[in-house]
N, C-alpha and C. Protein backbone atom coordinates (compact mmCIF):
# COMPACT_ATOMS: atom_id res chain seq x y z
N UNK A 1 1.07 -1.20 0.03
CA UNK A 1 -0.06 -0.19 -0.03
C UNK A 1 0.85 1.36 -0.08
N UNK A 2 0.79 2.11 -0.75
CA UNK A 2 1.68 3.26 -0.84
C UNK A 2 1.04 4.11 0.08
N UNK A 3 2.16 5.13 0.44
CA UNK A 3 1.80 6.01 1.94
C UNK A 3 0.82 7.12 1.53
N UNK A 4 -0.07 7.45 2.57
CA UNK A 4 -1.15 8.01 2.06
C UNK A 4 -0.94 9.44 3.25
N UNK A 5 -1.43 10.57 2.31
CA UNK A 5 -1.19 11.85 2.82
C UNK A 5 -2.74 12.37 3.67
N UNK A 6 -2.32 12.61 5.00
CA UNK A 6 -3.87 13.09 5.60
C UNK A 6 -3.09 14.45 6.53
N UNK A 7 -4.17 15.41 5.75
CA UNK A 7 -4.00 16.94 5.93
C UNK A 7 -5.00 17.22 7.23
N UNK A 8 -4.56 17.40 8.40
CA UNK A 8 -5.06 18.14 9.42
C UNK A 8 -4.97 19.17 9.71
N UNK A 9 -6.46 19.81 10.19
CA UNK A 9 -6.10 21.16 10.31
C UNK A 9 -6.86 21.62 11.44
N UNK A 10 -6.65 22.55 11.84
CA UNK A 10 -7.03 23.19 13.03
C UNK A 10 -7.15 25.04 13.01
N UNK A 11 -7.30 25.86 13.66
CA UNK A 11 -7.13 27.25 13.64
C UNK A 11 -5.95 27.87 13.49
N UNK A 12 -5.40 27.16 14.44
CA UNK A 12 -3.67 27.81 14.36
C UNK A 12 -2.66 26.65 13.69
N UNK A 13 -2.58 25.40 13.39
CA UNK A 13 -1.75 24.33 13.05
C UNK A 13 -1.13 24.03 14.12
N UNK A 14 -1.38 24.37 15.38
CA UNK A 14 -0.36 24.10 16.64
C UNK A 14 -1.17 22.97 17.72
N UNK A 15 -2.12 23.95 18.25
CA UNK A 15 -2.80 22.73 19.29
C UNK A 15 -3.42 21.92 18.83
N UNK A 16 -4.77 21.58 18.65
CA UNK A 16 -5.69 20.63 18.25
C UNK A 16 -5.21 19.58 17.48
N UNK A 17 -4.59 20.00 16.14
CA UNK A 17 -4.38 19.47 15.08
C UNK A 17 -3.10 18.81 15.68
N UNK A 18 -2.38 18.87 16.51
CA UNK A 18 -1.11 18.04 16.77
C UNK A 18 -1.63 16.97 17.72
N UNK A 19 -2.88 17.06 18.66
CA UNK A 19 -3.47 16.00 19.15
C UNK A 19 -4.07 15.12 18.42
N UNK A 20 -4.75 15.47 17.04
CA UNK A 20 -5.21 14.62 16.19
C UNK A 20 -4.15 13.95 15.32
N UNK A 21 -3.23 14.50 14.85
CA UNK A 21 -1.97 14.08 14.33
C UNK A 21 -1.34 12.93 15.00
N UNK A 22 -1.34 13.15 16.44
CA UNK A 22 -0.69 11.85 16.70
C UNK A 22 -1.31 10.92 17.05
N UNK A 23 -2.77 11.02 17.16
CA UNK A 23 -3.65 9.88 17.88
C UNK A 23 -4.04 9.05 16.24
N UNK A 24 -4.20 9.99 15.09
CA UNK A 24 -4.48 9.38 13.89
C UNK A 24 -3.10 8.53 13.66
N UNK A 25 -1.85 9.18 13.55
CA UNK A 25 -0.51 8.28 13.25
C UNK A 25 -0.05 7.21 13.89
N UNK A 26 -0.50 6.83 15.43
CA UNK A 26 -0.97 5.63 16.17
C UNK A 26 -1.67 4.90 15.62
N UNK A 27 -2.86 5.54 15.14
CA UNK A 27 -3.98 4.33 14.83
C UNK A 27 -3.71 3.49 13.55
N UNK A 28 -3.22 4.64 12.82
CA UNK A 28 -3.07 3.74 11.58
C UNK A 28 -1.83 3.03 11.53
N UNK A 29 -0.53 3.02 12.23
CA UNK A 29 0.36 2.20 12.35
C UNK A 29 -0.09 1.02 12.86
N UNK A 30 -0.75 1.29 13.91
CA UNK A 30 -1.62 0.01 14.33
C UNK A 30 -1.96 -1.16 13.72
N UNK A 31 -2.60 -0.38 12.46
CA UNK A 31 -3.28 -1.04 11.31
C UNK A 31 -2.55 -1.26 9.77
N UNK A 32 -1.21 -1.08 9.93
CA UNK A 32 -0.31 -1.24 9.19
C UNK A 32 -0.84 -0.22 7.77
N UNK A 33 -0.97 0.72 8.16
CA UNK A 33 -1.46 1.84 7.19
C UNK A 33 -0.44 2.90 6.95
N UNK A 34 0.34 2.84 5.95
CA UNK A 34 1.45 4.01 6.39
C UNK A 34 0.94 5.12 5.71
N UNK A 35 0.96 6.33 6.47
CA UNK A 35 0.61 7.83 6.21
C UNK A 35 1.57 8.64 6.50
N UNK A 36 1.14 9.83 5.76
CA UNK A 36 2.40 11.05 6.35
C UNK A 36 1.20 11.88 6.48
N UNK A 37 1.37 12.58 7.93
CA UNK A 37 0.84 13.73 8.12
C UNK A 37 1.29 14.87 8.12
N UNK A 38 0.57 15.85 7.59
CA UNK A 38 0.81 17.12 7.71
C UNK A 38 -0.34 18.12 8.28
N UNK A 39 0.12 19.29 8.85
CA UNK A 39 -0.62 20.22 9.82
C UNK A 39 -0.74 21.39 8.96
N UNK A 40 -1.92 21.93 9.07
CA UNK A 40 -2.20 23.17 8.44
C UNK A 40 -3.24 23.79 9.64
N UNK A 41 -3.60 25.17 9.10
CA UNK A 41 -4.15 26.37 9.60
C UNK A 41 -5.64 26.04 8.37
N UNK A 42 -6.66 26.05 9.30
CA UNK A 42 -8.08 25.90 8.16
C UNK A 42 -8.29 26.87 7.16
N UNK A 43 -7.64 28.06 7.39
CA UNK A 43 -7.46 28.66 6.16
C UNK A 43 -6.86 28.15 5.06
N UNK A 44 -5.78 27.18 5.22
CA UNK A 44 -4.90 26.56 4.37
C UNK A 44 -5.29 25.48 3.55
N UNK A 45 -6.47 25.06 3.97
CA UNK A 45 -6.64 23.72 3.38
C UNK A 45 -7.28 23.76 2.15
N UNK A 46 -7.87 24.27 1.41
CA UNK A 46 -8.24 24.96 -0.15
C UNK A 46 -6.80 24.64 -0.67
N UNK A 47 -5.65 25.39 -0.20
CA UNK A 47 -4.60 25.53 -1.34
C UNK A 47 -3.54 23.98 -1.01
N UNK A 48 -3.98 23.48 0.08
CA UNK A 48 -2.87 22.47 0.32
C UNK A 48 -3.75 20.85 0.04
N UNK A 49 -4.89 21.08 -0.16
CA UNK A 49 -5.60 19.98 -0.14
C UNK A 49 -5.41 18.93 -1.27
N UNK A 50 -5.04 19.39 -2.47
CA UNK A 50 -4.68 18.87 -3.74
C UNK A 50 -3.73 17.55 -3.33
N UNK A 51 -2.96 17.61 -2.86
CA UNK A 51 -1.97 16.34 -2.51
C UNK A 51 -2.15 15.67 -1.30
N UNK A 52 -3.34 15.83 -0.64
CA UNK A 52 -3.79 15.01 0.66
C UNK A 52 -4.87 13.81 0.09
N UNK A 53 -4.93 12.47 0.46
CA UNK A 53 -5.59 11.77 0.44
C UNK A 53 -6.98 11.87 1.08
N UNK A 54 -7.10 12.74 2.10
CA UNK A 54 -8.31 13.21 2.95
C UNK A 54 -7.68 14.20 4.11
N UNK A 55 -9.02 15.05 4.84
CA UNK A 55 -8.27 15.89 5.59
C UNK A 55 -9.42 15.49 6.77
N UNK A 56 -8.53 15.85 8.01
CA UNK A 56 -9.28 15.68 8.99
C UNK A 56 -9.21 17.34 9.91
N UNK A 57 -10.18 17.84 10.38
CA UNK A 57 -10.21 19.08 10.88
C UNK A 57 -11.00 19.27 12.23
N UNK A 58 -10.37 20.08 13.04
CA UNK A 58 -11.37 20.25 14.45
C UNK A 58 -12.05 21.41 14.26
N UNK A 59 -11.90 22.47 13.19
CA UNK A 59 -12.98 23.65 13.06
C UNK A 59 -13.44 23.58 11.48
N UNK A 60 -14.29 24.11 11.49
CA UNK A 60 -14.71 24.30 9.59
C UNK A 60 -13.95 24.29 8.46
N UNK A 61 -13.92 23.79 7.83
CA UNK A 61 -13.28 24.04 6.46
C UNK A 61 -13.92 23.83 5.19
N UNK A 62 -13.53 24.39 4.43
CA UNK A 62 -14.64 24.25 2.93
C UNK A 62 -14.88 22.31 2.76
N UNK A 63 -16.04 22.48 2.25
CA UNK A 63 -16.18 20.62 1.98
C UNK A 63 -16.11 20.69 0.57
N UNK A 64 -15.85 21.48 -0.17
CA UNK A 64 -15.90 21.09 -1.77
C UNK A 64 -14.28 21.09 -2.61
N UNK A 65 -13.51 20.91 -1.15
CA UNK A 65 -12.29 20.50 -2.03
C UNK A 65 -11.79 19.52 -3.11
N UNK A 66 -13.03 18.44 -2.85
CA UNK A 66 -12.75 17.11 -3.64
C UNK A 66 -12.24 15.94 -2.75
N UNK A 67 -11.95 16.30 -1.88
CA UNK A 67 -11.57 15.30 -0.77
C UNK A 67 -12.55 15.01 0.43
N UNK A 68 -12.44 13.70 0.63
CA UNK A 68 -13.20 13.13 2.27
C UNK A 68 -12.96 14.43 3.03
N UNK A 69 -13.67 15.00 4.05
CA UNK A 69 -13.46 16.05 5.18
C UNK A 69 -14.00 15.28 6.37
N UNK A 70 -12.93 14.86 7.18
CA UNK A 70 -13.83 14.47 8.73
C UNK A 70 -13.76 15.07 9.73
N UNK A 71 -14.75 15.63 10.26
CA UNK A 71 -14.88 15.97 11.67
C UNK A 71 -13.69 15.68 12.70
N UNK A 72 -12.48 16.28 13.33
CA UNK A 72 -11.61 15.33 14.16
C UNK A 72 -12.16 15.92 15.73
N UNK A 73 -13.32 16.61 16.08
CA UNK A 73 -13.75 16.60 17.27
C UNK A 73 -13.64 15.30 18.25
N UNK A 74 -14.12 14.40 17.62
CA UNK A 74 -13.69 12.83 18.70
C UNK A 74 -12.23 12.67 18.95
N UNK A 75 -11.36 13.12 18.57
CA UNK A 75 -10.61 12.81 18.96
C UNK A 75 -10.18 13.86 19.86
N UNK A 76 -10.67 14.86 20.36
CA UNK A 76 -10.66 15.65 21.64
C UNK A 76 -11.39 15.55 22.40
N UNK A 77 -12.64 14.85 22.46
CA UNK A 77 -13.61 14.61 23.46
C UNK A 77 -13.58 13.07 23.94
N UNK A 78 -12.96 11.99 22.82
CA UNK A 78 -13.20 10.93 22.96
C UNK A 78 -14.56 10.14 22.59
N UNK A 79 -15.41 11.17 22.40
CA UNK A 79 -16.77 10.10 21.89
C UNK A 79 -16.68 10.20 20.38
N UNK A 80 -16.93 8.80 20.26
CA UNK A 80 -17.10 8.50 18.92
C UNK A 80 -15.63 8.23 18.02
N UNK A 81 -14.76 8.64 19.14
CA UNK A 81 -13.11 8.17 18.59
C UNK A 81 -12.74 6.60 18.00
N UNK A 82 -13.12 5.91 18.43
CA UNK A 82 -12.86 4.68 17.86
C UNK A 82 -13.29 4.32 16.20
N UNK A 83 -14.92 4.87 16.07
CA UNK A 83 -15.81 4.88 15.06
C UNK A 83 -15.03 5.98 14.06
N UNK A 84 -14.56 7.21 14.28
CA UNK A 84 -13.76 7.86 13.49
C UNK A 84 -12.63 7.28 12.91
N UNK A 85 -11.60 6.77 14.24
CA UNK A 85 -10.60 6.15 13.27
C UNK A 85 -10.90 4.75 12.09
N UNK A 86 -12.38 4.13 12.76
CA UNK A 86 -12.35 3.03 11.41
C UNK A 86 -12.91 3.86 10.29
N UNK A 87 -13.67 4.79 10.23
CA UNK A 87 -13.88 5.35 9.14
C UNK A 87 -12.77 6.16 8.20
N UNK A 88 -11.82 6.74 8.85
CA UNK A 88 -10.69 7.15 8.16
C UNK A 88 -9.68 6.00 7.84
N UNK A 89 -9.63 5.20 8.37
CA UNK A 89 -9.03 3.46 7.65
C UNK A 89 -9.77 2.98 6.56
N UNK A 90 -10.72 2.86 6.74
CA UNK A 90 -11.61 2.61 5.83
C UNK A 90 -11.22 3.51 4.37
N UNK A 91 -11.42 4.89 4.51
CA UNK A 91 -11.51 5.81 3.47
C UNK A 91 -10.19 5.72 3.07
N UNK A 92 -8.76 5.46 3.87
CA UNK A 92 -7.60 5.16 3.17
C UNK A 92 -7.38 3.94 2.39
N UNK A 93 -8.22 3.06 2.77
CA UNK A 93 -7.97 1.72 2.15
C UNK A 93 -8.82 1.69 0.89
N UNK A 94 -9.62 2.32 0.89
CA UNK A 94 -10.49 2.45 -0.43
C UNK A 94 -9.53 2.87 -1.81
């Protein structure tokens, strides 16, 4: 499987996107899915999404970028986290 690129966005590309990035990287590693994680500000998503396989965002981002967009709030609250990880893994395997 080729390495998949995940773009993770939050307001500043520092705080919550880092939490999400670590969680996704660990979860995909456990599933044997090679990923490259890139963090960005929500305002940068449109210009950076072209090279990504999917986007995970903790803040609203455009949904017309032509890539799957997942809301990353479950990584911050823990509610629905496992289900979201499975959805992301399935999208990366598709």
